[in-house]
Amino acid sequence: MARKPSEIHAVDALERKGVQVDSYINKEILVPPDYLLLGNGSWAKIDFLVNYCGYRLVR
């Protein structure tokens, strides 16, 4: 099952910021609780992945 282009772009952008994304097996986004480099755009990408693509946010 292939990922959608928007899902690929969101995952790649978050990985460039240093967020760990397990997109193949568990579909988890791992964000440390004291991580301050995420702005509104990054949180919007996380929101998209969680609400529309079935990912799970782990802090």
PDB file of N, CA and C in Angstrom:
ATOM      1  N   MET A   1       0.843  -1.170   0.000  1.00  0.00           N
ATOM      2  CA  MET A   1       0.000   0.000   0.000  1.00  0.00           C
ATOM      3  C   MET A   1       0.892   1.238   0.000  1.00  0.00           C
ATOM      4  N   ALA A   2       0.756   2.054  -0.985  1.00  0.00           N
ATOM      5  CA  ALA A   2       1.609   3.232  -1.132  1.00  0.00           C
ATOM      6  C   ALA A   2       1.057   4.399  -0.313  1.00  0.00           C
ATOM      7  N   ARG A   3       1.981   5.230   0.150  1.00  0.00           N
ATOM      8  CA  ARG A   3       1.580   6.425   0.871  1.00  0.00           C
ATOM      9  C   ARG A   3       1.196   7.516  -0.117  1.00  0.00           C
ATOM     10  N   LYS A   4       0.313   8.401   0.289  1.00  0.00           N
ATOM     11  CA  LYS A   4      -0.082   9.524  -0.534  1.00  0.00           C
ATOM     12  C   LYS A   4       1.049  10.552  -0.556  1.00  0.00           C
ATOM     13  N   PRO A   5       1.152  11.339  -1.617  1.00  0.00           N
ATOM     14  CA  PRO A   5       2.225  12.341  -1.672  1.00  0.00           C
ATOM     15  C   PRO A   5       2.190  13.326  -0.512  1.00  0.00           C
ATOM     16  N   SER A   6       1.016  13.751  -0.080  1.00  0.00           N
ATOM     17  CA  SER A   6       0.950  14.702   1.027  1.00  0.00           C
ATOM     18  C   SER A   6       1.433  14.049   2.326  1.00  0.00           C
ATOM     19  N   GLU A   7       1.173  12.762   2.489  1.00  0.00           N
ATOM     20  CA  GLU A   7       1.662  12.044   3.660  1.00  0.00           C
ATOM     21  C   GLU A   7       3.186  11.939   3.615  1.00  0.00           C
ATOM     22  N   ILE A   8       3.719  11.683   2.436  1.00  0.00           N
ATOM     23  CA  ILE A   8       5.170  11.584   2.277  1.00  0.00           C
ATOM     24  C   ILE A   8       5.838  12.916   2.602  1.00  0.00           C
ATOM     25  N   HIS A   9       5.278  14.000   2.114  1.00  0.00           N
ATOM     26  CA  HIS A   9       5.859  15.319   2.358  1.00  0.00           C
ATOM     27  C   HIS A   9       5.794  15.686   3.839  1.00  0.00           C
ATOM     28  N   ALA A  10       4.698  15.360   4.496  1.00  0.00           N
ATOM     29  CA  ALA A  10       4.569  15.672   5.918  1.00  0.00           C
ATOM     30  C   ALA A  10       5.577  14.868   6.743  1.00  0.00           C
ATOM     31  N   VAL A  11       5.731  13.595   6.438  1.00  0.00           N
ATOM     32  CA  VAL A  11       6.683  12.747   7.165  1.00  0.00           C
ATOM     33  C   VAL A  11       8.107  13.232   6.931  1.00  0.00           C
ATOM     34  N   ASP A  12       8.450  13.556   5.693  1.00  0.00           N
ATOM     35  CA  ASP A  12       9.799  14.034   5.393  1.00  0.00           C
ATOM     36  C   ASP A  12      10.107  15.351   6.097  1.00  0.00           C
ATOM     37  N   ALA A  13       9.150  16.261   6.126  1.00  0.00           N
ATOM     38  CA  ALA A  13       9.370  17.552   6.778  1.00  0.00           C
ATOM     39  C   ALA A  13       9.568  17.377   8.283  1.00  0.00           C
ATOM     40  N   LEU A  14       8.813  16.487   8.891  1.00  0.00           N
ATOM     41  CA  LEU A  14       8.967  16.254  10.329  1.00  0.00           C
ATOM     42  C   LEU A  14      10.294  15.571  10.636  1.00  0.00           C
ATOM     43  N   GLU A  15      10.720  14.659   9.785  1.00  0.00           N
ATOM     44  CA  GLU A  15      11.998  13.989  10.011  1.00  0.00           C
ATOM     45  C   GLU A  15      13.162  14.965   9.866  1.00  0.00           C
ATOM     46  N   ARG A  16      13.043  15.971   8.994  1.00  0.00           N
ATOM     47  CA  ARG A  16      14.087  16.993   8.876  1.00  0.00           C
ATOM     48  C   ARG A  16      14.176  17.841  10.140  1.00  0.00           C
ATOM     49  N   LYS A  17      13.066  17.992  10.860  1.00  0.00           N
ATOM     50  CA  LYS A  17      13.054  18.739  12.118  1.00  0.00           C
ATOM     51  C   LYS A  17      13.595  17.926  13.285  1.00  0.00           C
ATOM     52  N   GLY A  18      13.812  16.636  13.096  1.00  0.00           N
ATOM     53  CA  GLY A  18      14.345  15.795  14.161  1.00  0.00           C
ATOM     54  C   GLY A  18      13.306  14.965  14.888  1.00  0.00           C
ATOM     55  N   VAL A  19      12.086  14.941  14.382  1.00  0.00           N
ATOM     56  CA  VAL A  19      11.024  14.133  14.982  1.00  0.00           C
ATOM     57  C   VAL A  19      11.127  12.724  14.409  1.00  0.00           C
ATOM     58  N   GLN A  20      11.044  11.719  15.266  1.00  0.00           N
ATOM     59  CA  GLN A  20      11.113  10.338  14.806  1.00  0.00           C
ATOM     60  C   GLN A  20       9.731   9.889  14.355  1.00  0.00           C
ATOM     61  N   VAL A  21       9.660   9.399  13.122  1.00  0.00           N
ATOM     62  CA  VAL A  21       8.395   8.930  12.563  1.00  0.00           C
ATOM     63  C   VAL A  21       8.580   7.491  12.106  1.00  0.00           C
ATOM     64  N   ASP A  22       7.808   6.596  12.698  1.00  0.00           N
ATOM     65  CA  ASP A  22       7.805   5.190  12.292  1.00  0.00           C
ATOM     66  C   ASP A  22       6.586   5.010  11.390  1.00  0.00           C
ATOM     67  N   SER A  23       6.793   5.112  10.085  1.00  0.00           N
ATOM     68  CA  SER A  23       5.653   5.173   9.173  1.00  0.00           C
ATOM     69  C   SER A  23       5.273   3.837   8.553  1.00  0.00           C
ATOM     70  N   TYR A  24       6.034   2.797   8.774  1.00  0.00           N
ATOM     71  CA  TYR A  24       5.738   1.540   8.091  1.00  0.00           C
ATOM     72  C   TYR A  24       5.098   0.487   8.986  1.00  0.00           C
ATOM     73  N   ILE A  25       5.568   0.339  10.203  1.00  0.00           N
ATOM     74  CA  ILE A  25       5.076  -0.743  11.038  1.00  0.00           C
ATOM     75  C   ILE A  25       4.009  -0.253  12.016  1.00  0.00           C
ATOM     76  N   ASN A  26       4.384   0.662  12.900  1.00  0.00           N
ATOM     77  CA  ASN A  26       3.478   1.075  13.975  1.00  0.00           C
ATOM     78  C   ASN A  26       2.719   2.361  13.679  1.00  0.00           C
ATOM     79  N   LYS A  27       3.169   3.143  12.688  1.00  0.00           N
ATOM     80  CA  LYS A  27       2.583   4.450  12.384  1.00  0.00           C
ATOM     81  C   LYS A  27       2.546   5.325  13.642  1.00  0.00           C
ATOM     82  N   GLU A  28       3.720   5.582  14.192  1.00  0.00           N
ATOM     83  CA  GLU A  28       3.845   6.401  15.388  1.00  0.00           C
ATOM     84  C   GLU A  28       4.714   7.621  15.101  1.00  0.00           C
ATOM     85  N   ILE A  29       4.374   8.717  15.763  1.00  0.00           N
ATOM     86  CA  ILE A  29       5.170   9.935  15.727  1.00  0.00           C
ATOM     87  C   ILE A  29       5.709  10.136  17.129  1.00  0.00           C
ATOM     88  N   LEU A  30       7.029  10.120  17.278  1.00  0.00           N
ATOM     89  CA  LEU A  30       7.657  10.227  18.583  1.00  0.00           C
ATOM     90  C   LEU A  30       8.209  11.635  18.775  1.00  0.00           C
ATOM     91  N   VAL A  31       7.585  12.417  19.668  1.00  0.00           N
ATOM     92  CA  VAL A  31       8.015  13.782  19.961  1.00  0.00           C
ATOM     93  C   VAL A  31       8.420  13.829  21.428  1.00  0.00           C
ATOM     94  N   PRO A  32       9.674  14.205  21.735  1.00  0.00           N
ATOM     95  CA  PRO A  32      10.064  14.358  23.141  1.00  0.00           C
ATOM     96  C   PRO A  32       9.248  15.471  23.800  1.00  0.00           C
ATOM     97  N   PRO A  33       8.923  15.339  25.078  1.00  0.00           N
ATOM     98  CA  PRO A  33       8.044  16.329  25.722  1.00  0.00           C
ATOM     99  C   PRO A  33       8.670  17.722  25.835  1.00  0.00           C
ATOM    100  N   ASP A  34       9.990  17.840  25.843  1.00  0.00           N
ATOM    101  CA  ASP A  34      10.618  19.148  25.993  1.00  0.00           C
ATOM    102  C   ASP A  34      11.189  19.672  24.670  1.00  0.00           C
ATOM    103  N   TYR A  35      10.689  19.181  23.556  1.00  0.00           N
ATOM    104  CA  TYR A  35      11.186  19.555  22.234  1.00  0.00           C
ATOM    105  C   TYR A  35      10.539  20.862  21.806  1.00  0.00           C
ATOM    106  N   LEU A  36      11.342  21.919  21.579  1.00  0.00           N
ATOM    107  CA  LEU A  36      10.800  23.254  21.326  1.00  0.00           C
ATOM    108  C   LEU A  36      10.951  23.731  19.884  1.00  0.00           C
ATOM    109  N   LEU A  37      11.478  22.905  18.984  1.00  0.00           N
ATOM    110  CA  LEU A  37      11.719  23.343  17.619  1.00  0.00           C
ATOM    111  C   LEU A  37      10.503  23.236  16.704  1.00  0.00           C
ATOM    112  N   LEU A  38       9.381  22.824  17.223  1.00  0.00           N
ATOM    113  CA  LEU A  38       8.193  22.650  16.390  1.00  0.00           C
ATOM    114  C   LEU A  38       7.308  23.887  16.462  1.00  0.00           C
ATOM    115  N   GLY A  39       7.006  24.433  15.287  1.00  0.00           N
ATOM    116  CA  GLY A  39       6.119  25.584  15.205  1.00  0.00           C
ATOM    117  C   GLY A  39       4.716  25.158  14.805  1.00  0.00           C
ATOM    118  N   ASN A  40       3.916  26.129  14.418  1.00  0.00           N
ATOM    119  CA  ASN A  40       2.527  25.854  14.052  1.00  0.00           C
ATOM    120  C   ASN A  40       2.429  24.955  12.826  1.00  0.00           C
ATOM    121  N   GLY A  41       3.307  25.145  11.851  1.00  0.00           N
ATOM    122  CA  GLY A  41       3.268  24.319  10.637  1.00  0.00           C
ATOM    123  C   GLY A  41       3.589  22.868  10.919  1.00  0.00           C
ATOM    124  N   SER A  42       4.562  22.636  11.784  1.00  0.00           N
ATOM    125  CA  SER A  42       4.923  21.260  12.135  1.00  0.00           C
ATOM    126  C   SER A  42       3.799  20.580  12.909  1.00  0.00           C
ATOM    127  N   TRP A  43       3.189  21.325  13.817  1.00  0.00           N
ATOM    128  CA  TRP A  43       2.071  20.743  14.561  1.00  0.00           C
ATOM    129  C   TRP A  43       0.869  20.493  13.645  1.00  0.00           C
ATOM    130  N   ALA A  44       0.712  21.302  12.602  1.00  0.00           N
ATOM    131  CA  ALA A  44      -0.358  21.062  11.625  1.00  0.00           C
ATOM    132  C   ALA A  44      -0.089  19.781  10.842  1.00  0.00           C
ATOM    133  N   LYS A  45       1.178  19.529  10.501  1.00  0.00           N
ATOM    134  CA  LYS A  45       1.529  18.276   9.822  1.00  0.00           C
ATOM    135  C   LYS A  45       1.272  17.079  10.722  1.00  0.00           C
ATOM    136  N   ILE A  46       1.607  17.199  12.006  1.00  0.00           N
ATOM    137  CA  ILE A  46       1.336  16.122  12.960  1.00  0.00           C
ATOM    138  C   ILE A  46      -0.159  15.896  13.078  1.00  0.00           C
ATOM    139  N   ASP A  47      -0.931  16.981  13.142  1.00  0.00           N
ATOM    140  CA  ASP A  47      -2.385  16.887  13.223  1.00  0.00           C
ATOM    141  C   ASP A  47      -2.957  16.184  11.991  1.00  0.00           C
ATOM    142  N   PHE A  48      -2.448  16.504  10.810  1.00  0.00           N
ATOM    143  CA  PHE A  48      -2.886  15.848   9.576  1.00  0.00           C
ATOM    144  C   PHE A  48      -2.590  14.350   9.625  1.00  0.00           C
ATOM    145  N   LEU A  49      -1.370  13.999  10.041  1.00  0.00           N
ATOM    146  CA  LEU A  49      -0.999  12.586  10.076  1.00  0.00           C
ATOM    147  C   LEU A  49      -1.820  11.810  11.101  1.00  0.00           C
ATOM    148  N   VAL A  50      -2.108  12.431  12.235  1.00  0.00           N
ATOM    149  CA  VAL A  50      -2.866  11.742  13.285  1.00  0.00           C
ATOM    150  C   VAL A  50      -4.339  11.605  12.899  1.00  0.00           C
ATOM    151  N   ASN A  51      -4.945  12.690  12.433  1.00  0.00           N
ATOM    152  CA  ASN A  51      -6.390  12.676  12.201  1.00  0.00           C
ATOM    153  C   ASN A  51      -6.815  12.087  10.864  1.00  0.00           C
ATOM    154  N   TYR A  52      -5.959  12.149   9.838  1.00  0.00           N
ATOM    155  CA  TYR A  52      -6.366  11.694   8.514  1.00  0.00           C
ATOM    156  C   TYR A  52      -5.626  10.461   8.009  1.00  0.00           C
ATOM    157  N   CYS A  53      -4.433  10.207   8.550  1.00  0.00           N
ATOM    158  CA  CYS A  53      -3.623   9.102   8.034  1.00  0.00           C
ATOM    159  C   CYS A  53      -3.488   7.955   9.029  1.00  0.00           C
ATOM    160  N   GLY A  54      -4.056   8.087  10.215  1.00  0.00           N
ATOM    161  CA  GLY A  54      -4.064   6.977  11.157  1.00  0.00           C
ATOM    162  C   GLY A  54      -2.818   6.836  12.000  1.00  0.00           C
ATOM    163  N   TYR A  55      -2.004   7.879  12.103  1.00  0.00           N
ATOM    164  CA  TYR A  55      -0.814   7.826  12.939  1.00  0.00           C
ATOM    165  C   TYR A  55      -1.195   8.049  14.400  1.00  0.00           C
ATOM    166  N   ARG A  56      -0.253   7.718  15.293  1.00  0.00           N
ATOM    167  CA  ARG A  56      -0.473   7.897  16.722  1.00  0.00           C
ATOM    168  C   ARG A  56       0.651   8.765  17.269  1.00  0.00           C
ATOM    169  N   LEU A  57       0.324   9.786  18.059  1.00  0.00           N
ATOM    170  CA  LEU A  57       1.312  10.690  18.633  1.00  0.00           C
ATOM    171  C   LEU A  57       1.758  10.145  19.988  1.00  0.00           C
ATOM    172  N   VAL A  58       3.078   9.991  20.141  1.00  0.00           N
ATOM    173  CA  VAL A  58       3.654   9.510  21.392  1.00  0.00           C
ATOM    174  C   VAL A  58       4.591  10.593  21.894  1.00  0.00           C
ATOM    175  N   ARG A  59       4.358  11.053  23.134  1.00  0.00           N
ATOM    176  CA  ARG A  59       5.216  12.096  23.725  1.00  0.00           C
ATOM    177  C   ARG A  59       5.941  11.539  24.904  1.00  0.00           C
TER     178      ARG A  59
END
